[in-house]
Protein backbone atom coordinates (compact mmCIF):
# COMPACT_ATOMS: atom_id res chain seq x y z
CA MET A 1 -7.80 11.52 31.67
CA ARG A 2 -10.47 9.27 33.22
CA ASN A 3 -12.82 6.90 31.40
CA VAL A 4 -16.55 7.54 31.50
CA ASN A 5 -19.47 5.40 30.34
CA LEU A 6 -22.52 7.00 28.68
CA VAL A 7 -25.80 5.10 28.32
CA VAL A 8 -28.92 6.63 26.74
CA GLY A 9 -32.23 5.06 27.74
CA ASP A 10 -34.76 3.73 25.24
CA LYS A 11 -37.97 5.03 26.88
CA PRO A 12 -39.04 8.69 26.74
CA ILE A 13 -39.08 10.49 30.12
CA GLY A 14 -40.23 13.93 28.99
CA SER A 15 -40.21 16.32 26.07
CA ALA A 16 -38.35 19.36 24.78
CA LEU A 17 -38.76 21.99 22.10
CA THR A 18 -36.23 22.21 19.28
CA TRP A 19 -35.91 23.39 15.69
CA ALA A 20 -34.79 21.70 12.48
CA TYR A 21 -31.12 21.49 11.48
CA PRO A 22 -29.57 23.10 9.45
CA HIS A 23 -32.13 25.79 8.65
CA GLY A 24 -33.04 26.76 12.17
CA LYS A 25 -36.52 27.99 12.85
CA ASP A 26 -37.49 28.28 9.14
CA HIS A 27 -39.52 25.06 9.50
CA GLY A 28 -41.02 25.89 12.89
CA ILE A 29 -40.55 24.53 16.38
CA PHE A 30 -40.91 20.80 17.13
CA GLN A 31 -41.74 19.04 20.38
CA ILE A 32 -39.64 15.86 20.66
CA PRO A 33 -39.16 13.24 23.39
CA THR A 34 -36.29 13.36 25.88
CA TYR A 35 -34.45 10.38 27.35
CA GLU A 36 -32.38 9.63 30.42
CA LEU A 37 -28.59 9.68 29.96
CA THR A 38 -26.63 7.88 32.67
CA VAL A 39 -22.98 8.86 33.07
CA THR A 40 -20.76 6.62 35.21
CA GLY A 41 -17.06 6.72 36.01
CA LYS A 42 -14.62 7.41 38.81
CA ASP A 43 -13.76 10.77 40.37
CA GLU A 44 -10.21 12.08 40.95
CA ASN A 45 -9.99 9.89 44.09
CA GLY A 46 -11.02 6.70 42.30
CA ILE A 47 -14.50 6.68 43.84
CA ASP A 48 -17.37 5.46 41.63
CA CYS A 49 -19.66 8.26 40.43
CA LYS A 50 -23.00 8.22 38.66
CA ARG A 51 -25.11 11.11 37.35
CA MET A 52 -28.31 11.27 35.32
CA PHE A 53 -29.26 13.85 32.69
CA GLU A 54 -32.34 14.46 30.56
CA VAL A 55 -31.25 14.65 26.92
CA ILE A 56 -32.52 14.88 23.35
CA ARG A 57 -31.74 11.57 21.68
CA PHE A 58 -32.56 12.50 18.10
CA GLY A 59 -32.83 15.89 16.38
CA VAL A 60 -34.97 17.10 13.49
CA GLN A 61 -33.40 17.54 10.08
CA GLY A 62 -35.07 20.08 7.81
CA GLU A 63 -33.62 20.22 4.31
CA ASN A 64 -36.92 20.85 2.50
CA THR A 65 -40.22 22.48 3.31
């Protein structure tokens, strides 16, 4: 097993649509910011690798109406 490092940025880079947890779409759809996730590590040959992803940093919790 190889080690990886995950770093989530602190500035929004886009947006995504999601719904509240745990009651799904009962509370509607929400547009929330997305952030850059940088993944670094080494491949199977020991060569440094780096890849970026766009991710949701925080979700929406919807217990009540």
